[in-house]
Amino acid sequence: MQIAIEKVMYAYTLIAHLTPHEAKATRDRLAAHLAGMEADENVLAVEGMRYLRGADRVAKRRKARTSL
């Protein structure tokens, strides 16, 4: 799970400018969210990005695609 967290934090900090305190808080939230999930590192990384980006962003994007 640690590799997935590192991948997600690397990618997320490229799109969100976080202070060191915010980065630590985000890492802790992400670790808590992924704790107990059974999957390979890539699946966990995708789930982690989904979690940090927010479910509402994914829903809005899907809604926009279906309305075309």
N, C-alpha and C. Protein backbone atom coordinates (compact mmCIF):
# COMPACT_ATOMS: atom_id res chain seq x y z
N MET A 1 0.83 -1.19 0.00
CA MET A 1 0.00 0.00 0.00
C MET A 1 0.88 1.26 0.00
N GLN A 2 2.05 1.19 0.56
CA GLN A 2 2.92 2.35 0.65
C GLN A 2 3.33 2.87 -0.73
N ILE A 3 3.55 1.96 -1.68
CA ILE A 3 3.91 2.36 -3.03
C ILE A 3 2.75 3.13 -3.67
N ALA A 4 1.53 2.64 -3.46
CA ALA A 4 0.35 3.32 -4.01
C ALA A 4 0.22 4.72 -3.43
N ILE A 5 0.45 4.87 -2.15
CA ILE A 5 0.36 6.18 -1.51
C ILE A 5 1.41 7.12 -2.09
N GLU A 6 2.62 6.63 -2.29
CA GLU A 6 3.67 7.46 -2.88
C GLU A 6 3.32 7.90 -4.29
N LYS A 7 2.77 6.97 -5.09
CA LYS A 7 2.37 7.31 -6.47
C LYS A 7 1.29 8.38 -6.47
N VAL A 8 0.30 8.20 -5.61
CA VAL A 8 -0.82 9.15 -5.55
C VAL A 8 -0.34 10.52 -5.08
N MET A 9 0.47 10.54 -4.04
CA MET A 9 0.95 11.82 -3.52
C MET A 9 1.81 12.54 -4.55
N TYR A 10 2.63 11.81 -5.28
CA TYR A 10 3.45 12.43 -6.32
C TYR A 10 2.54 13.08 -7.39
N ALA A 11 1.59 12.31 -7.87
CA ALA A 11 0.70 12.82 -8.92
C ALA A 11 -0.18 13.96 -8.39
N TYR A 12 -0.69 13.81 -7.19
CA TYR A 12 -1.60 14.81 -6.65
C TYR A 12 -0.89 16.14 -6.38
N THR A 13 0.36 16.07 -5.94
CA THR A 13 1.08 17.32 -5.67
C THR A 13 1.45 18.04 -6.97
N LEU A 14 1.41 17.35 -8.09
CA LEU A 14 1.63 18.02 -9.37
C LEU A 14 0.44 18.88 -9.77
N ILE A 15 -0.76 18.50 -9.32
CA ILE A 15 -1.96 19.25 -9.70
C ILE A 15 -2.49 20.13 -8.57
N ALA A 16 -2.10 19.84 -7.34
CA ALA A 16 -2.55 20.64 -6.20
C ALA A 16 -1.32 21.13 -5.44
N HIS A 17 -1.18 22.40 -5.32
CA HIS A 17 -0.03 22.98 -4.62
C HIS A 17 -0.33 22.96 -3.13
N LEU A 18 0.37 22.07 -2.42
CA LEU A 18 0.11 21.87 -1.00
C LEU A 18 1.29 22.36 -0.16
N THR A 19 0.97 22.92 0.99
CA THR A 19 2.01 23.24 1.95
C THR A 19 2.45 21.92 2.59
N PRO A 20 3.59 21.89 3.26
CA PRO A 20 4.01 20.64 3.93
C PRO A 20 2.97 20.12 4.92
N HIS A 21 2.31 21.03 5.62
CA HIS A 21 1.27 20.60 6.57
C HIS A 21 0.08 19.98 5.84
N GLU A 22 -0.34 20.62 4.74
CA GLU A 22 -1.45 20.08 3.95
C GLU A 22 -1.09 18.73 3.32
N ALA A 23 0.16 18.60 2.89
CA ALA A 23 0.60 17.34 2.29
C ALA A 23 0.57 16.22 3.33
N LYS A 24 0.99 16.51 4.55
CA LYS A 24 0.96 15.50 5.62
C LYS A 24 -0.47 15.11 5.94
N ALA A 25 -1.37 16.09 6.03
CA ALA A 25 -2.77 15.81 6.32
C ALA A 25 -3.41 15.00 5.20
N THR A 26 -3.06 15.33 3.96
CA THR A 26 -3.60 14.61 2.80
C THR A 26 -3.10 13.18 2.79
N ARG A 27 -1.80 12.99 3.07
CA ARG A 27 -1.22 11.64 3.13
C ARG A 27 -1.92 10.80 4.20
N ASP A 28 -2.19 11.41 5.35
CA ASP A 28 -2.87 10.69 6.44
C ASP A 28 -4.30 10.30 6.05
N ARG A 29 -5.03 11.23 5.41
CA ARG A 29 -6.40 10.92 4.95
C ARG A 29 -6.39 9.81 3.93
N LEU A 30 -5.43 9.87 3.00
CA LEU A 30 -5.31 8.86 1.96
C LEU A 30 -4.99 7.49 2.55
N ALA A 31 -4.06 7.44 3.48
CA ALA A 31 -3.70 6.17 4.13
C ALA A 31 -4.89 5.59 4.87
N ALA A 32 -5.66 6.43 5.54
CA ALA A 32 -6.85 5.95 6.25
C ALA A 32 -7.89 5.41 5.27
N HIS A 33 -8.04 6.08 4.13
CA HIS A 33 -9.01 5.64 3.13
C HIS A 33 -8.62 4.30 2.51
N LEU A 34 -7.34 4.12 2.23
CA LEU A 34 -6.89 2.90 1.57
C LEU A 34 -6.66 1.74 2.54
N ALA A 35 -6.64 2.02 3.83
CA ALA A 35 -6.39 0.98 4.82
C ALA A 35 -7.44 -0.12 4.72
N GLY A 36 -6.98 -1.33 4.66
CA GLY A 36 -7.88 -2.48 4.63
C GLY A 36 -8.35 -2.89 3.24
N MET A 37 -8.05 -2.10 2.23
CA MET A 37 -8.44 -2.48 0.87
C MET A 37 -7.48 -3.53 0.35
N GLU A 38 -8.02 -4.54 -0.27
CA GLU A 38 -7.22 -5.62 -0.84
C GLU A 38 -7.20 -5.48 -2.35
N ALA A 39 -6.09 -5.00 -2.89
CA ALA A 39 -5.93 -4.85 -4.34
C ALA A 39 -4.45 -4.63 -4.62
N ASP A 40 -4.09 -4.70 -5.90
CA ASP A 40 -2.69 -4.45 -6.23
C ASP A 40 -2.41 -2.95 -6.16
N GLU A 41 -1.14 -2.59 -6.22
CA GLU A 41 -0.73 -1.20 -6.03
C GLU A 41 -1.34 -0.25 -7.05
N ASN A 42 -1.48 -0.68 -8.29
CA ASN A 42 -2.04 0.20 -9.32
C ASN A 42 -3.51 0.49 -9.07
N VAL A 43 -4.27 -0.52 -8.68
CA VAL A 43 -5.69 -0.32 -8.38
C VAL A 43 -5.84 0.60 -7.17
N LEU A 44 -5.00 0.40 -6.17
CA LEU A 44 -5.05 1.27 -4.99
C LEU A 44 -4.69 2.71 -5.36
N ALA A 45 -3.74 2.88 -6.26
CA ALA A 45 -3.35 4.23 -6.67
C ALA A 45 -4.49 4.93 -7.39
N VAL A 46 -5.17 4.22 -8.26
CA VAL A 46 -6.31 4.81 -8.97
C VAL A 46 -7.41 5.17 -7.98
N GLU A 47 -7.69 4.28 -7.05
CA GLU A 47 -8.71 4.56 -6.03
C GLU A 47 -8.30 5.76 -5.18
N GLY A 48 -7.03 5.87 -4.87
CA GLY A 48 -6.54 7.00 -4.08
C GLY A 48 -6.71 8.31 -4.81
N MET A 49 -6.40 8.35 -6.10
CA MET A 49 -6.60 9.57 -6.87
C MET A 49 -8.08 9.92 -6.97
N ARG A 50 -8.90 8.91 -7.15
CA ARG A 50 -10.35 9.12 -7.20
C ARG A 50 -10.83 9.76 -5.90
N TYR A 51 -10.32 9.24 -4.79
CA TYR A 51 -10.71 9.74 -3.48
C TYR A 51 -10.28 11.20 -3.29
N LEU A 52 -9.03 11.49 -3.63
CA LEU A 52 -8.55 12.85 -3.42
C LEU A 52 -9.18 13.86 -4.36
N ARG A 53 -9.43 13.45 -5.58
CA ARG A 53 -10.05 14.38 -6.54
C ARG A 53 -11.52 14.59 -6.21
N GLY A 54 -12.15 13.64 -5.57
CA GLY A 54 -13.55 13.78 -5.16
C GLY A 54 -14.49 13.08 -6.09
N ALA A 55 -15.46 12.41 -5.53
CA ALA A 55 -16.44 11.66 -6.31
C ALA A 55 -17.31 12.58 -7.14
N ASP A 56 -17.56 13.79 -6.65
CA ASP A 56 -18.42 14.72 -7.39
C ASP A 56 -17.77 15.15 -8.70
N ARG A 57 -16.44 15.25 -8.76
CA ARG A 57 -15.76 15.59 -10.01
C ARG A 57 -15.95 14.49 -11.04
N VAL A 58 -15.85 13.23 -10.60
CA VAL A 58 -16.03 12.10 -11.51
C VAL A 58 -17.47 12.06 -12.01
N ALA A 59 -18.42 12.28 -11.11
CA ALA A 59 -19.83 12.25 -11.50
C ALA A 59 -20.15 13.36 -12.49
N LYS A 60 -19.61 14.55 -12.27
CA LYS A 60 -19.85 15.67 -13.19
C LYS A 60 -19.27 15.37 -14.57
N ARG A 61 -18.07 14.79 -14.59
CA ARG A 61 -17.42 14.48 -15.86
C ARG A 61 -18.22 13.43 -16.62
N ARG A 62 -18.70 12.42 -15.92
CA ARG A 62 -19.50 11.37 -16.57
C ARG A 62 -20.82 11.94 -17.07
N LYS A 63 -21.43 12.82 -16.31
CA LYS A 63 -22.69 13.42 -16.71
C LYS A 63 -22.49 14.26 -17.97
N ALA A 64 -21.40 14.98 -18.04
CA ALA A 64 -21.10 15.81 -19.21
C ALA A 64 -20.90 14.94 -20.44
N ARG A 65 -20.26 13.80 -20.29
CA ARG A 65 -20.04 12.91 -21.43
C ARG A 65 -21.34 12.31 -21.94
N THR A 66 -22.24 11.95 -21.05
CA THR A 66 -23.49 11.30 -21.46
C THR A 66 -24.46 12.30 -22.08
N SER A 67 -24.29 13.58 -21.81
CA SER A 67 -25.22 14.56 -22.36
C SER A 67 -24.83 15.03 -23.77
N LEU A 68 -23.73 14.55 -24.29
CA LEU A 68 -23.29 14.97 -25.63
C LEU A 68 -24.12 14.40 -26.72
